[in-house]
N, C-alpha and C. Protein backbone atom coordinates (compact mmCIF):
# COMPACT_ATOMS: atom_id res chain seq x y z
N UNK A 1 181.05 -18.21 -14.44
CA UNK A 1 180.70 -19.56 -14.91
C UNK A 1 181.85 -20.17 -15.70
N UNK A 2 181.76 -21.46 -15.95
CA UNK A 2 182.82 -22.11 -16.73
C UNK A 2 183.89 -22.69 -15.83
N UNK A 3 183.55 -22.77 -14.53
CA UNK A 3 184.53 -23.38 -13.59
C UNK A 3 184.62 -24.89 -13.81
N UNK A 4 185.84 -25.45 -13.85
CA UNK A 4 186.04 -26.91 -14.01
C UNK A 4 185.24 -27.69 -13.07
N UNK A 5 185.18 -27.28 -11.81
CA UNK A 5 184.39 -28.00 -10.77
C UNK A 5 182.96 -28.08 -11.13
N UNK A 6 182.42 -27.02 -11.59
CA UNK A 6 181.01 -27.01 -11.96
C UNK A 6 180.74 -27.91 -13.12
N UNK A 7 181.69 -27.91 -14.07
CA UNK A 7 181.48 -28.75 -15.24
C UNK A 7 181.53 -30.20 -14.87
N UNK A 8 182.44 -30.55 -14.04
CA UNK A 8 182.54 -31.96 -13.57
C UNK A 8 181.26 -32.40 -12.88
N UNK A 9 180.72 -31.47 -12.03
CA UNK A 9 179.47 -31.77 -11.33
C UNK A 9 178.36 -31.97 -12.31
N UNK A 10 178.29 -31.16 -13.38
CA UNK A 10 177.24 -31.28 -14.38
C UNK A 10 177.37 -32.68 -15.03
N UNK A 11 178.59 -33.06 -15.42
CA UNK A 11 178.75 -34.33 -16.11
C UNK A 11 178.45 -35.54 -15.18
N UNK A 12 178.62 -35.35 -13.91
CA UNK A 12 178.33 -36.45 -12.97
C UNK A 12 176.84 -36.61 -12.77
N UNK A 13 176.09 -35.51 -12.94
CA UNK A 13 174.67 -35.64 -12.70
C UNK A 13 174.00 -36.34 -13.86
N UNK A 14 172.85 -36.95 -13.57
CA UNK A 14 172.11 -37.59 -14.67
C UNK A 14 171.32 -36.51 -15.47
N UNK A 15 170.80 -36.89 -16.62
CA UNK A 15 170.10 -35.92 -17.49
C UNK A 15 168.98 -35.17 -16.75
N UNK A 16 168.09 -35.94 -16.09
CA UNK A 16 166.95 -35.28 -15.44
C UNK A 16 167.38 -34.39 -14.26
N UNK A 17 168.28 -34.89 -13.48
CA UNK A 17 168.73 -34.10 -12.34
C UNK A 17 169.44 -32.89 -12.81
N UNK A 18 170.18 -32.99 -13.91
CA UNK A 18 170.90 -31.82 -14.47
C UNK A 18 169.91 -30.78 -14.91
N UNK A 19 168.89 -31.20 -15.66
CA UNK A 19 167.90 -30.28 -16.18
C UNK A 19 167.22 -29.54 -15.03
N UNK A 20 166.90 -30.32 -13.99
CA UNK A 20 166.27 -29.70 -12.78
C UNK A 20 167.14 -28.66 -12.20
N UNK A 21 168.40 -28.98 -12.05
CA UNK A 21 169.30 -27.99 -11.43
C UNK A 21 169.51 -26.78 -12.34
N UNK A 22 169.50 -26.99 -13.65
CA UNK A 22 169.60 -25.87 -14.54
C UNK A 22 168.40 -24.92 -14.40
N UNK A 23 167.24 -25.55 -14.28
CA UNK A 23 166.02 -24.75 -14.09
C UNK A 23 166.02 -23.96 -12.80
N UNK A 24 166.53 -24.65 -11.77
CA UNK A 24 166.64 -24.01 -10.47
C UNK A 24 167.62 -22.86 -10.51
N UNK A 25 168.65 -23.04 -11.30
CA UNK A 25 169.65 -21.97 -11.44
C UNK A 25 170.98 -22.33 -10.81
N UNK A 26 171.17 -23.59 -10.32
CA UNK A 26 172.42 -24.01 -9.80
C UNK A 26 173.49 -24.05 -10.83
N UNK A 27 173.07 -24.41 -12.10
CA UNK A 27 174.04 -24.47 -13.22
C UNK A 27 173.50 -23.64 -14.37
N UNK A 28 174.37 -22.91 -15.09
CA UNK A 28 173.92 -22.18 -16.23
C UNK A 28 173.96 -23.10 -17.45
N UNK A 29 172.97 -23.09 -18.27
CA UNK A 29 172.90 -23.96 -19.46
C UNK A 29 174.04 -23.62 -20.42
N UNK A 30 174.75 -24.63 -20.84
CA UNK A 30 175.83 -24.43 -21.76
C UNK A 30 175.40 -24.61 -23.18
N UNK A 31 176.02 -23.90 -24.14
CA UNK A 31 175.63 -24.01 -25.57
C UNK A 31 175.79 -25.38 -26.14
């Protein structure tokens, strides 16, 4: 984890979509 590409993708997603993806497991929750 911590890949720049993944971080950019997270920032591009909206709040709700990001939370959904985090719960699905596509993205690991950052501190």
